[in-house]
Amino acid sequence: MIIYGVALLALCYIGGQLLGDWLGILLHANANVGGVGFAMLFLILINSWLEKKGYLDELTSSGLRFWSQMYIPIVVAMAATQNVKAAFSSGMVAILAGFIPVLISFAIIPVISRLIKS
């Protein structure tokens, strides 16, 4: 059933948040460190393992694919709203730390595209 895909996503999210909180405590940071990323990793690993073992029927697999595809835009939207005010008040270093990687990524895309075509 599709609901199993949602349940698995929820379990991965909870596990990722717990691990991110624990890592934040371990690093003495007053924040969740990578919780959403860990959740994505858990979802990918568990989904792959379940497919290899043959435990997924077509409906469950369809639900997992749907939520896996929806998860990345949701994570990007969540990350985009976090600490924007703090970043702007921190000065130019925080702004450049976000702006420079985006520019580099835009510059690398045509290079990668040419390499793939050749």
PDB file of N, CA and C in Angstrom:
ATOM      1  N   MET A   1       0.834  -1.191   0.000  1.00  0.00           N
ATOM      2  CA  MET A   1       0.000   0.000   0.000  1.00  0.00           C
ATOM      3  C   MET A   1       0.875   1.250   0.000  1.00  0.00           C
ATOM      4  N   ILE A   2       0.311   2.327  -0.504  1.00  0.00           N
ATOM      5  CA  ILE A   2       1.031   3.585  -0.572  1.00  0.00           C
ATOM      6  C   ILE A   2       1.294   4.131   0.824  1.00  0.00           C
ATOM      7  N   ILE A   3       0.415   3.832   1.764  1.00  0.00           N
ATOM      8  CA  ILE A   3       0.572   4.348   3.127  1.00  0.00           C
ATOM      9  C   ILE A   3       1.856   3.839   3.773  1.00  0.00           C
ATOM     10  N   TYR A   4       2.319   2.647   3.374  1.00  0.00           N
ATOM     11  CA  TYR A   4       3.572   2.144   3.918  1.00  0.00           C
ATOM     12  C   TYR A   4       4.746   3.022   3.500  1.00  0.00           C
ATOM     13  N   GLY A   5       4.684   3.572   2.295  1.00  0.00           N
ATOM     14  CA  GLY A   5       5.724   4.490   1.846  1.00  0.00           C
ATOM     15  C   GLY A   5       5.771   5.730   2.715  1.00  0.00           C
ATOM     16  N   VAL A   6       4.596   6.252   3.066  1.00  0.00           N
ATOM     17  CA  VAL A   6       4.534   7.436   3.930  1.00  0.00           C
ATOM     18  C   VAL A   6       5.028   7.081   5.332  1.00  0.00           C
ATOM     19  N   ALA A   7       4.659   5.913   5.824  1.00  0.00           N
ATOM     20  CA  ALA A   7       5.106   5.488   7.149  1.00  0.00           C
ATOM     21  C   ALA A   7       6.623   5.326   7.189  1.00  0.00           C
ATOM     22  N   LEU A   8       7.196   4.763   6.135  1.00  0.00           N
ATOM     23  CA  LEU A   8       8.639   4.603   6.083  1.00  0.00           C
ATOM     24  C   LEU A   8       9.335   5.962   6.020  1.00  0.00           C
ATOM     25  N   LEU A   9       8.773   6.885   5.250  1.00  0.00           N
ATOM     26  CA  LEU A   9       9.321   8.232   5.180  1.00  0.00           C
ATOM     27  C   LEU A   9       9.291   8.891   6.558  1.00  0.00           C
ATOM     28  N   ALA A  10       8.184   8.735   7.281  1.00  0.00           N
ATOM     29  CA  ALA A  10       8.063   9.328   8.616  1.00  0.00           C
ATOM     30  C   ALA A  10       9.085   8.733   9.575  1.00  0.00           C
ATOM     31  N   LEU A  11       9.273   7.416   9.520  1.00  0.00           N
ATOM     32  CA  LEU A  11      10.259   6.783  10.394  1.00  0.00           C
ATOM     33  C   LEU A  11      11.673   7.248  10.067  1.00  0.00           C
ATOM     34  N   CYS A  12      11.975   7.381   8.780  1.00  0.00           N
ATOM     35  CA  CYS A  12      13.292   7.868   8.382  1.00  0.00           C
ATOM     36  C   CYS A  12      13.493   9.303   8.845  1.00  0.00           C
ATOM     37  N   TYR A  13      12.453  10.116   8.732  1.00  0.00           N
ATOM     38  CA  TYR A  13      12.557  11.511   9.157  1.00  0.00           C
ATOM     39  C   TYR A  13      12.796  11.600  10.665  1.00  0.00           C
ATOM     40  N   ILE A  14      12.048  10.833  11.435  1.00  0.00           N
ATOM     41  CA  ILE A  14      12.222  10.842  12.889  1.00  0.00           C
ATOM     42  C   ILE A  14      13.627  10.360  13.257  1.00  0.00           C
ATOM     43  N   GLY A  15      14.074   9.283  12.622  1.00  0.00           N
ATOM     44  CA  GLY A  15      15.423   8.778  12.887  1.00  0.00           C
ATOM     45  C   GLY A  15      16.496   9.787  12.515  1.00  0.00           C
ATOM     46  N   GLY A  16      16.328  10.446  11.387  1.00  0.00           N
ATOM     47  CA  GLY A  16      17.291  11.462  10.960  1.00  0.00           C
ATOM     48  C   GLY A  16      17.320  12.646  11.897  1.00  0.00           C
ATOM     49  N   GLN A  17      16.154  13.084  12.350  1.00  0.00           N
ATOM     50  CA  GLN A  17      16.099  14.208  13.291  1.00  0.00           C
ATOM     51  C   GLN A  17      16.738  13.846  14.621  1.00  0.00           C
ATOM     52  N   LEU A  18      16.489  12.649  15.098  1.00  0.00           N
ATOM     53  CA  LEU A  18      17.113  12.213  16.351  1.00  0.00           C
ATOM     54  C   LEU A  18      18.629  12.141  16.214  1.00  0.00           C
ATOM     55  N   LEU A  19      19.104  11.588  15.092  1.00  0.00           N
ATOM     56  CA  LEU A  19      20.543  11.513  14.872  1.00  0.00           C
ATOM     57  C   LEU A  19      21.152  12.902  14.713  1.00  0.00           C
ATOM     58  N   GLY A  20      20.458  13.799  14.016  1.00  0.00           N
ATOM     59  CA  GLY A  20      20.947  15.167  13.857  1.00  0.00           C
ATOM     60  C   GLY A  20      21.005  15.915  15.178  1.00  0.00           C
ATOM     61  N   ASP A  21      19.991  15.727  16.028  1.00  0.00           N
ATOM     62  CA  ASP A  21      20.012  16.345  17.357  1.00  0.00           C
ATOM     63  C   ASP A  21      21.155  15.791  18.202  1.00  0.00           C
ATOM     64  N   TRP A  22      21.339  14.479  18.145  1.00  0.00           N
ATOM     65  CA  TRP A  22      22.410  13.846  18.902  1.00  0.00           C
ATOM     66  C   TRP A  22      23.774  14.346  18.434  1.00  0.00           C
ATOM     67  N   LEU A  23      23.948  14.461  17.115  1.00  0.00           N
ATOM     68  CA  LEU A  23      25.204  14.954  16.573  1.00  0.00           C
ATOM     69  C   LEU A  23      25.437  16.411  16.969  1.00  0.00           C
ATOM     70  N   GLY A  24      24.373  17.212  17.015  1.00  0.00           N
ATOM     71  CA  GLY A  24      24.485  18.586  17.475  1.00  0.00           C
ATOM     72  C   GLY A  24      24.944  18.667  18.921  1.00  0.00           C
ATOM     73  N   ILE A  25      24.409  17.808  19.759  1.00  0.00           N
ATOM     74  CA  ILE A  25      24.828  17.761  21.161  1.00  0.00           C
ATOM     75  C   ILE A  25      26.286  17.319  21.264  1.00  0.00           C
ATOM     76  N   LEU A  26      26.652  16.305  20.473  1.00  0.00           N
ATOM     77  CA  LEU A  26      28.012  15.790  20.497  1.00  0.00           C
ATOM     78  C   LEU A  26      29.030  16.843  20.064  1.00  0.00           C
ATOM     79  N   LEU A  27      28.651  17.672  19.085  1.00  0.00           N
ATOM     80  CA  LEU A  27      29.548  18.710  18.574  1.00  0.00           C
ATOM     81  C   LEU A  27      29.409  20.031  19.326  1.00  0.00           C
ATOM     82  N   HIS A  28      28.586  20.053  20.371  1.00  0.00           N
ATOM     83  CA  HIS A  28      28.337  21.257  21.171  1.00  0.00           C
ATOM     84  C   HIS A  28      27.768  22.391  20.319  1.00  0.00           C
ATOM     85  N   ALA A  29      26.960  22.022  19.358  1.00  0.00           N
ATOM     86  CA  ALA A  29      26.262  23.020  18.540  1.00  0.00           C
ATOM     87  C   ALA A  29      24.823  23.074  19.026  1.00  0.00           C
ATOM     88  N   ASN A  30      24.286  24.239  19.095  1.00  0.00           N
ATOM     89  CA  ASN A  30      22.912  24.394  19.555  1.00  0.00           C
ATOM     90  C   ASN A  30      21.977  24.274  18.358  1.00  0.00           C
ATOM     91  N   ALA A  31      22.093  23.153  17.613  1.00  0.00           N
ATOM     92  CA  ALA A  31      21.302  22.982  16.402  1.00  0.00           C
ATOM     93  C   ALA A  31      21.247  21.509  16.023  1.00  0.00           C
ATOM     94  N   ASN A  32      20.330  21.205  15.135  1.00  0.00           N
ATOM     95  CA  ASN A  32      20.250  19.897  14.522  1.00  0.00           C
ATOM     96  C   ASN A  32      21.263  19.879  13.388  1.00  0.00           C
ATOM     97  N   VAL A  33      22.188  18.941  13.425  1.00  0.00           N
ATOM     98  CA  VAL A  33      23.260  18.894  12.439  1.00  0.00           C
ATOM     99  C   VAL A  33      22.984  17.769  11.444  1.00  0.00           C
ATOM    100  N   GLY A  34      22.431  18.132  10.303  1.00  0.00           N
ATOM    101  CA  GLY A  34      22.247  17.178   9.218  1.00  0.00           C
ATOM    102  C   GLY A  34      21.105  16.209   9.371  1.00  0.00           C
ATOM    103  N   GLY A  35      20.124  16.523  10.197  1.00  0.00           N
ATOM    104  CA  GLY A  35      19.027  15.589  10.436  1.00  0.00           C
ATOM    105  C   GLY A  35      18.236  15.241   9.190  1.00  0.00           C
ATOM    106  N   VAL A  36      17.932  16.226   8.377  1.00  0.00           N
ATOM    107  CA  VAL A  36      17.161  15.971   7.163  1.00  0.00           C
ATOM    108  C   VAL A  36      17.998  15.176   6.163  1.00  0.00           C
ATOM    109  N   GLY A  37      19.279  15.470   6.096  1.00  0.00           N
ATOM    110  CA  GLY A  37      20.165  14.701   5.220  1.00  0.00           C
ATOM    111  C   GLY A  37      20.268  13.250   5.647  1.00  0.00           C
ATOM    112  N   PHE A  38      20.374  13.022   6.949  1.00  0.00           N
ATOM    113  CA  PHE A  38      20.394  11.653   7.449  1.00  0.00           C
ATOM    114  C   PHE A  38      19.086  10.938   7.110  1.00  0.00           C
ATOM    115  N   ALA A  39      17.974  11.641   7.228  1.00  0.00           N
ATOM    116  CA  ALA A  39      16.680  11.045   6.902  1.00  0.00           C
ATOM    117  C   ALA A  39      16.625  10.636   5.430  1.00  0.00           C
ATOM    118  N   MET A  40      17.141  11.486   4.551  1.00  0.00           N
ATOM    119  CA  MET A  40      17.177  11.145   3.123  1.00  0.00           C
ATOM    120  C   MET A  40      18.051   9.915   2.893  1.00  0.00           C
ATOM    121  N   LEU A  41      19.193   9.877   3.560  1.00  0.00           N
ATOM    122  CA  LEU A  41      20.091   8.735   3.427  1.00  0.00           C
ATOM    123  C   LEU A  41      19.424   7.456   3.923  1.00  0.00           C
ATOM    124  N   PHE A  42      18.750   7.533   5.075  1.00  0.00           N
ATOM    125  CA  PHE A  42      18.026   6.368   5.597  1.00  0.00           C
ATOM    126  C   PHE A  42      16.968   5.893   4.601  1.00  0.00           C
ATOM    127  N   LEU A  43      16.229   6.838   4.034  1.00  0.00           N
ATOM    128  CA  LEU A  43      15.170   6.483   3.083  1.00  0.00           C
ATOM    129  C   LEU A  43      15.754   5.772   1.868  1.00  0.00           C
ATOM    130  N   ILE A  44      16.853   6.278   1.349  1.00  0.00           N
ATOM    131  CA  ILE A  44      17.481   5.653   0.182  1.00  0.00           C
ATOM    132  C   ILE A  44      17.987   4.257   0.530  1.00  0.00           C
ATOM    133  N   LEU A  45      18.676   4.126   1.654  1.00  0.00           N
ATOM    134  CA  LEU A  45      19.248   2.834   2.027  1.00  0.00           C
ATOM    135  C   LEU A  45      18.173   1.793   2.333  1.00  0.00           C
ATOM    136  N   ILE A  46      17.166   2.185   3.084  1.00  0.00           N
ATOM    137  CA  ILE A  46      16.100   1.232   3.437  1.00  0.00           C
ATOM    138  C   ILE A  46      15.296   0.840   2.199  1.00  0.00           C
ATOM    139  N   ASN A  47      15.003   1.810   1.336  1.00  0.00           N
ATOM    140  CA  ASN A  47      14.277   1.513   0.105  1.00  0.00           C
ATOM    141  C   ASN A  47      15.065   0.541  -0.764  1.00  0.00           C
ATOM    142  N   SER A  48      16.355   0.776  -0.902  1.00  0.00           N
ATOM    143  CA  SER A  48      17.204  -0.107  -1.701  1.00  0.00           C
ATOM    144  C   SER A  48      17.251  -1.508  -1.102  1.00  0.00           C
ATOM    145  N   TRP A  49      17.384  -1.581   0.213  1.00  0.00           N
ATOM    146  CA  TRP A  49      17.447  -2.881   0.877  1.00  0.00           C
ATOM    147  C   TRP A  49      16.131  -3.651   0.707  1.00  0.00           C
ATOM    148  N   LEU A  50      15.005  -2.950   0.880  1.00  0.00           N
ATOM    149  CA  LEU A  50      13.708  -3.608   0.732  1.00  0.00           C
ATOM    150  C   LEU A  50      13.479  -4.093  -0.699  1.00  0.00           C
ATOM    151  N   GLU A  51      13.927  -3.320  -1.681  1.00  0.00           N
ATOM    152  CA  GLU A  51      13.784  -3.748  -3.076  1.00  0.00           C
ATOM    153  C   GLU A  51      14.643  -4.976  -3.369  1.00  0.00           C
ATOM    154  N   LYS A  52      15.870  -4.998  -2.849  1.00  0.00           N
ATOM    155  CA  LYS A  52      16.755  -6.147  -3.076  1.00  0.00           C
ATOM    156  C   LYS A  52      16.200  -7.412  -2.446  1.00  0.00           C
ATOM    157  N   LYS A  53      15.564  -7.287  -1.276  1.00  0.00           N
ATOM    158  CA  LYS A  53      15.000  -8.448  -0.592  1.00  0.00           C
ATOM    159  C   LYS A  53      13.655  -8.867  -1.174  1.00  0.00           C
ATOM    160  N   GLY A  54      13.066  -8.020  -2.017  1.00  0.00           N
ATOM    161  CA  GLY A  54      11.784  -8.347  -2.616  1.00  0.00           C
ATOM    162  C   GLY A  54      10.595  -8.136  -1.704  1.00  0.00           C
ATOM    163  N   TYR A  55      10.725  -7.275  -0.707  1.00  0.00           N
ATOM    164  CA  TYR A  55       9.654  -7.028   0.247  1.00  0.00           C
ATOM    165  C   TYR A  55       8.656  -5.974  -0.219  1.00  0.00           C
ATOM    166  N   LEU A  56       8.946  -5.291  -1.286  1.00  0.00           N
ATOM    167  CA  LEU A  56       8.079  -4.206  -1.728  1.00  0.00           C
ATOM    168  C   LEU A  56       7.152  -4.671  -2.841  1.00  0.00           C
ATOM    169  N   ASP A  57       5.864  -4.437  -2.653  1.00  0.00           N
ATOM    170  CA  ASP A  57       4.947  -4.652  -3.765  1.00  0.00           C
ATOM    171  C   ASP A  57       4.909  -3.367  -4.598  1.00  0.00           C
ATOM    172  N   GLU A  58       4.191  -3.381  -5.695  1.00  0.00           N
ATOM    173  CA  GLU A  58       4.201  -2.248  -6.621  1.00  0.00           C
ATOM    174  C   GLU A  58       3.604  -0.986  -6.004  1.00  0.00           C
ATOM    175  N   LEU A  59       2.534  -1.106  -5.222  1.00  0.00           N
ATOM    176  CA  LEU A  59       1.928   0.072  -4.616  1.00  0.00           C
ATOM    177  C   LEU A  59       2.848   0.727  -3.577  1.00  0.00           C
ATOM    178  N   THR A  60       3.484  -0.083  -2.749  1.00  0.00           N
ATOM    179  CA  THR A  60       4.408   0.459  -1.756  1.00  0.00           C
ATOM    180  C   THR A  60       5.591   1.117  -2.441  1.00  0.00           C
ATOM    181  N   SER A  61       6.127   0.459  -3.451  1.00  0.00           N
ATOM    182  CA  SER A  61       7.248   1.009  -4.202  1.00  0.00           C
ATOM    183  C   SER A  61       6.856   2.321  -4.876  1.00  0.00           C
ATOM    184  N   SER A  62       5.629   2.377  -5.391  1.00  0.00           N
ATOM    185  CA  SER A  62       5.134   3.606  -6.013  1.00  0.00           C
ATOM    186  C   SER A  62       5.044   4.729  -4.985  1.00  0.00           C
ATOM    187  N   GLY A  63       4.558   4.435  -3.793  1.00  0.00           N
ATOM    188  CA  GLY A  63       4.471   5.435  -2.738  1.00  0.00           C
ATOM    189  C   GLY A  63       5.842   5.932  -2.309  1.00  0.00           C
ATOM    190  N   LEU A  64       6.807   5.001  -2.213  1.00  0.00           N
ATOM    191  CA  LEU A  64       8.157   5.396  -1.844  1.00  0.00           C
ATOM    192  C   LEU A  64       8.801   6.263  -2.917  1.00  0.00           C
ATOM    193  N   ARG A  65       8.594   5.915  -4.180  1.00  0.00           N
ATOM    194  CA  ARG A  65       9.143   6.733  -5.270  1.00  0.00           C
ATOM    195  C   ARG A  65       8.555   8.131  -5.244  1.00  0.00           C
ATOM    196  N   PHE A  66       7.247   8.225  -5.036  1.00  0.00           N
ATOM    197  CA  PHE A  66       6.599   9.528  -5.000  1.00  0.00           C
ATOM    198  C   PHE A  66       7.177  10.393  -3.891  1.00  0.00           C
ATOM    199  N   TRP A  67       7.256   9.849  -2.675  1.00  0.00           N
ATOM    200  CA  TRP A  67       7.741  10.644  -1.554  1.00  0.00           C
ATOM    201  C   TRP A  67       9.233  10.900  -1.647  1.00  0.00           C
ATOM    202  N   SER A  68       9.984  10.008  -2.261  1.00  0.00           N
ATOM    203  CA  SER A  68      11.400  10.266  -2.468  1.00  0.00           C
ATOM    204  C   SER A  68      11.587  11.448  -3.409  1.00  0.00           C
ATOM    205  N   GLN A  69      10.755  11.531  -4.439  1.00  0.00           N
ATOM    206  CA  GLN A  69      10.847  12.645  -5.380  1.00  0.00           C
ATOM    207  C   GLN A  69      10.352  13.945  -4.764  1.00  0.00           C
ATOM    208  N   MET A  70       9.386  13.890  -3.889  1.00  0.00           N
ATOM    209  CA  MET A  70       8.862  15.088  -3.238  1.00  0.00           C
ATOM    210  C   MET A  70       9.769  15.563  -2.110  1.00  0.00           C
ATOM    211  N   TYR A  71      10.564  14.668  -1.566  1.00  0.00           N
ATOM    212  CA  TYR A  71      11.358  14.969  -0.387  1.00  0.00           C
ATOM    213  C   TYR A  71      12.428  16.020  -0.669  1.00  0.00           C
ATOM    214  N   ILE A  72      13.101  15.919  -1.801  1.00  0.00           N
ATOM    215  CA  ILE A  72      14.186  16.855  -2.116  1.00  0.00           C
ATOM    216  C   ILE A  72      13.677  18.290  -2.222  1.00  0.00           C
ATOM    217  N   PRO A  73      12.599  18.586  -2.974  1.00  0.00           N
ATOM    218  CA  PRO A  73      12.129  19.976  -2.987  1.00  0.00           C
ATOM    219  C   PRO A  73      11.671  20.469  -1.617  1.00  0.00           C
ATOM    220  N   ILE A  74      11.107  19.588  -0.824  1.00  0.00           N
ATOM    221  CA  ILE A  74      10.675  19.983   0.512  1.00  0.00           C
ATOM    222  C   ILE A  74      11.883  20.335   1.360  1.00  0.00           C
ATOM    223  N   VAL A  75      12.949  19.540   1.281  1.00  0.00           N
ATOM    224  CA  VAL A  75      14.159  19.804   2.042  1.00  0.00           C
ATOM    225  C   VAL A  75      14.800  21.114   1.607  1.00  0.00           C
ATOM    226  N   VAL A  76      14.837  21.360   0.305  1.00  0.00           N
ATOM    227  CA  VAL A  76      15.407  22.615  -0.189  1.00  0.00           C
ATOM    228  C   VAL A  76      14.602  23.797   0.326  1.00  0.00           C
ATOM    229  N   ALA A  77      13.287  23.683   0.314  1.00  0.00           N
ATOM    230  CA  ALA A  77      12.446  24.774   0.812  1.00  0.00           C
ATOM    231  C   ALA A  77      12.658  24.984   2.306  1.00  0.00           C
ATOM    232  N   MET A  78      12.790  23.906   3.061  1.00  0.00           N
ATOM    233  CA  MET A  78      13.027  24.030   4.500  1.00  0.00           C
ATOM    234  C   MET A  78      14.382  24.673   4.765  1.00  0.00           C
ATOM    235  N   ALA A  79      15.390  24.240   4.039  1.00  0.00           N
ATOM    236  CA  ALA A  79      16.733  24.780   4.259  1.00  0.00           C
ATOM    237  C   ALA A  79      16.820  26.245   3.850  1.00  0.00           C
ATOM    238  N   ALA A  80      16.051  26.626   2.852  1.00  0.00           N
ATOM    239  CA  ALA A  80      16.102  28.009   2.374  1.00  0.00           C
ATOM    240  C   ALA A  80      15.545  28.983   3.398  1.00  0.00           C
ATOM    241  N   THR A  81      14.666  28.520   4.257  1.00  0.00           N
ATOM    242  CA  THR A  81      14.046  29.416   5.229  1.00  0.00           C
ATOM    243  C   THR A  81      14.779  29.458   6.562  1.00  0.00           C
ATOM    244  N   GLN A  82      15.760  28.596   6.745  1.00  0.00           N
ATOM    245  CA  GLN A  82      16.439  28.522   8.041  1.00  0.00           C
ATOM    246  C   GLN A  82      17.527  29.584   8.151  1.00  0.00           C
ATOM    247  N   ASN A  83      17.475  30.347   9.198  1.00  0.00           N
ATOM    248  CA  ASN A  83      18.515  31.286   9.590  1.00  0.00           C
ATOM    249  C   ASN A  83      18.886  32.305   8.521  1.00  0.00           C
ATOM    250  N   VAL A  84      17.948  32.689   7.675  1.00  0.00           N
ATOM    251  CA  VAL A  84      18.242  33.716   6.675  1.00  0.00           C
ATOM    252  C   VAL A  84      18.544  35.043   7.361  1.00  0.00           C
ATOM    253  N   LYS A  85      17.757  35.372   8.368  1.00  0.00           N
ATOM    254  CA  LYS A  85      17.979  36.624   9.097  1.00  0.00           C
ATOM    255  C   LYS A  85      19.340  36.610   9.779  1.00  0.00           C
ATOM    256  N   ALA A  86      19.697  35.473  10.377  1.00  0.00           N
ATOM    257  CA  ALA A  86      21.000  35.370  11.040  1.00  0.00           C
ATOM    258  C   ALA A  86      22.137  35.469  10.033  1.00  0.00           C
ATOM    259  N   ALA A  87      21.946  34.895   8.857  1.00  0.00           N
ATOM    260  CA  ALA A  87      22.993  34.961   7.838  1.00  0.00           C
ATOM    261  C   ALA A  87      23.216  36.395   7.376  1.00  0.00           C
ATOM    262  N   PHE A  88      22.141  37.133   7.158  1.00  0.00           N
ATOM    263  CA  PHE A  88      22.294  38.525   6.720  1.00  0.00           C
ATOM    264  C   PHE A  88      22.900  39.396   7.817  1.00  0.00           C
ATOM    265  N   SER A  89      22.560  39.125   9.062  1.00  0.00           N
ATOM    266  CA  SER A  89      23.108  39.937  10.143  1.00  0.00           C
ATOM    267  C   SER A  89      24.554  39.567  10.463  1.00  0.00           C
ATOM    268  N   SER A  90      25.012  38.403   9.986  1.00  0.00           N
ATOM    269  CA  SER A  90      26.390  37.977  10.241  1.00  0.00           C
ATOM    270  C   SER A  90      27.393  38.679   9.342  1.00  0.00           C
ATOM    271  N   GLY A  91      26.932  39.288   8.279  1.00  0.00           N
ATOM    272  CA  GLY A  91      27.840  40.023   7.405  1.00  0.00           C
ATOM    273  C   GLY A  91      28.059  39.332   6.076  1.00  0.00           C
ATOM    274  N   MET A  92      29.057  39.822   5.376  1.00  0.00           N
ATOM    275  CA  MET A  92      29.316  39.365   4.012  1.00  0.00           C
ATOM    276  C   MET A  92      29.832  37.936   3.932  1.00  0.00           C
ATOM    277  N   VAL A  93      30.490  37.437   4.962  1.00  0.00           N
ATOM    278  CA  VAL A  93      31.049  36.090   4.892  1.00  0.00           C
ATOM    279  C   VAL A  93      29.940  35.062   4.700  1.00  0.00           C
ATOM    280  N   ALA A  94      28.866  35.184   5.454  1.00  0.00           N
ATOM    281  CA  ALA A  94      27.760  34.235   5.338  1.00  0.00           C
ATOM    282  C   ALA A  94      27.085  34.345   3.981  1.00  0.00           C
ATOM    283  N   ILE A  95      26.953  35.559   3.479  1.00  0.00           N
ATOM    284  CA  ILE A  95      26.316  35.756   2.175  1.00  0.00           C
ATOM    285  C   ILE A  95      27.194  35.171   1.069  1.00  0.00           C
ATOM    286  N   LEU A  96      28.485  35.431   1.128  1.00  0.00           N
ATOM    287  CA  LEU A  96      29.399  34.894   0.123  1.00  0.00           C
ATOM    288  C   LEU A  96      29.491  33.369   0.203  1.00  0.00           C
ATOM    289  N   ALA A  97      29.401  32.823   1.413  1.00  0.00           N
ATOM    290  CA  ALA A  97      29.455  31.371   1.573  1.00  0.00           C
ATOM    291  C   ALA A  97      28.288  30.687   0.878  1.00  0.00           C
ATOM    292  N   GLY A  98      27.189  31.365   0.728  1.00  0.00           N
ATOM    293  CA  GLY A  98      26.067  30.808  -0.021  1.00  0.00           C
ATOM    294  C   GLY A  98      26.095  31.170  -1.479  1.00  0.00           C
ATOM    295  N   PHE A  99      26.557  32.361  -1.793  1.00  0.00           N
ATOM    296  CA  PHE A  99      26.502  32.882  -3.160  1.00  0.00           C
ATOM    297  C   PHE A  99      27.582  32.270  -4.062  1.00  0.00           C
ATOM    298  N   ILE A 100      28.786  32.126  -3.556  1.00  0.00           N
ATOM    299  CA  ILE A 100      29.897  31.613  -4.368  1.00  0.00           C
ATOM    300  C   ILE A 100      29.670  30.164  -4.826  1.00  0.00           C
ATOM    301  N   PRO A 101      29.233  29.238  -3.957  1.00  0.00           N
ATOM    302  CA  PRO A 101      28.981  27.876  -4.457  1.00  0.00           C
ATOM    303  C   PRO A 101      27.897  27.821  -5.535  1.00  0.00           C
ATOM    304  N   VAL A 102      26.900  28.692  -5.433  1.00  0.00           N
ATOM    305  CA  VAL A 102      25.859  28.724  -6.463  1.00  0.00           C
ATOM    306  C   VAL A 102      26.452  29.163  -7.790  1.00  0.00           C
ATOM    307  N   LEU A 103      27.276  30.195  -7.776  1.00  0.00           N
ATOM    308  CA  LEU A 103      27.921  30.656  -9.011  1.00  0.00           C
ATOM    309  C   LEU A 103      28.831  29.585  -9.606  1.00  0.00           C
ATOM    310  N   ILE A 104      29.597  28.926  -8.754  1.00  0.00           N
ATOM    311  CA  ILE A 104      30.470  27.850  -9.230  1.00  0.00           C
ATOM    312  C   ILE A 104      29.647  26.723  -9.848  1.00  0.00           C
ATOM    313  N   SER A 105      28.532  26.373  -9.208  1.00  0.00           N
ATOM    314  CA  SER A 105      27.661  25.325  -9.749  1.00  0.00           C
ATOM    315  C   SER A 105      27.116  25.703 -11.117  1.00  0.00           C
ATOM    316  N   PHE A 106      26.679  26.955 -11.256  1.00  0.00           N
ATOM    317  CA  PHE A 106      26.182  27.411 -12.555  1.00  0.00           C
ATOM    318  C   PHE A 106      27.280  27.361 -13.614  1.00  0.00           C
ATOM    319  N   ALA A 107      28.510  27.656 -13.234  1.00  0.00           N
ATOM    320  CA  ALA A 107      29.619  27.636 -14.191  1.00  0.00           C
ATOM    321  C   ALA A 107      30.008  26.211 -14.574  1.00  0.00           C
ATOM    322  N   ILE A 108      29.861  25.274 -13.661  1.00  0.00           N
ATOM    323  CA  ILE A 108      30.286  23.895 -13.919  1.00  0.00           C
ATOM    324  C   ILE A 108      29.267  23.125 -14.762  1.00  0.00           C
ATOM    325  N   ILE A 109      28.006  23.488 -14.706  1.00  0.00           N
ATOM    326  CA  ILE A 109      26.971  22.750 -15.429  1.00  0.00           C
ATOM    327  C   ILE A 109      27.263  22.653 -16.926  1.00  0.00           C
ATOM    328  N   PRO A 110      27.609  23.738 -17.629  1.00  0.00           N
ATOM    329  CA  PRO A 110      27.925  23.594 -19.059  1.00  0.00           C
ATOM    330  C   PRO A 110      29.138  22.697 -19.322  1.00  0.00           C
ATOM    331  N   VAL A 111      30.122  22.754 -18.429  1.00  0.00           N
ATOM    332  CA  VAL A 111      31.311  21.914 -18.596  1.00  0.00           C
ATOM    333  C   VAL A 111      30.940  20.446 -18.472  1.00  0.00           C
ATOM    334  N   ILE A 112      30.169  20.109 -17.474  1.00  0.00           N
ATOM    335  CA  ILE A 112      29.729  18.728 -17.280  1.00  0.00           C
ATOM    336  C   ILE A 112      28.869  18.281 -18.457  1.00  0.00           C
ATOM    337  N   SER A 113      28.016  19.162 -18.944  1.00  0.00           N
ATOM    338  CA  SER A 113      27.164  18.826 -20.086  1.00  0.00           C
ATOM    339  C   SER A 113      28.000  18.510 -21.320  1.00  0.00           C
ATOM    340  N   ARG A 114      29.046  19.286 -21.573  1.00  0.00           N
ATOM    341  CA  ARG A 114      29.921  19.013 -22.720  1.00  0.00           C
ATOM    342  C   ARG A 114      30.678  17.713 -22.538  1.00  0.00           C
ATOM    343  N   LEU A 115      31.101  17.417 -21.322  1.00  0.00           N
ATOM    344  CA  LEU A 115      31.818  16.172 -21.073  1.00  0.00           C
ATOM    345  C   LEU A 115      30.931  14.955 -21.272  1.00  0.00           C
ATOM    346  N   ILE A 116      29.688  15.060 -20.889  1.00  0.00           N
ATOM    347  CA  ILE A 116      28.757  13.950 -21.047  1.00  0.00           C
ATOM    348  C   ILE A 116      28.441  13.708 -22.514  1.00  0.00           C
ATOM    349  N   LYS A 117      28.295  14.778 -23.299  1.00  0.00           N
ATOM    350  CA  LYS A 117      27.982  14.634 -24.718  1.00  0.00           C
ATOM    351  C   LYS A 117      29.124  14.033 -25.502  1.00  0.00           C
ATOM    352  N   SER A 118      30.372  14.293 -25.081  1.00  0.00           N
ATOM    353  CA  SER A 118      31.512  13.790 -25.847  1.00  0.00           C
ATOM    354  C   SER A 118      31.947  12.409 -25.406  1.00  0.00           C
TER     355      SER A 118
END
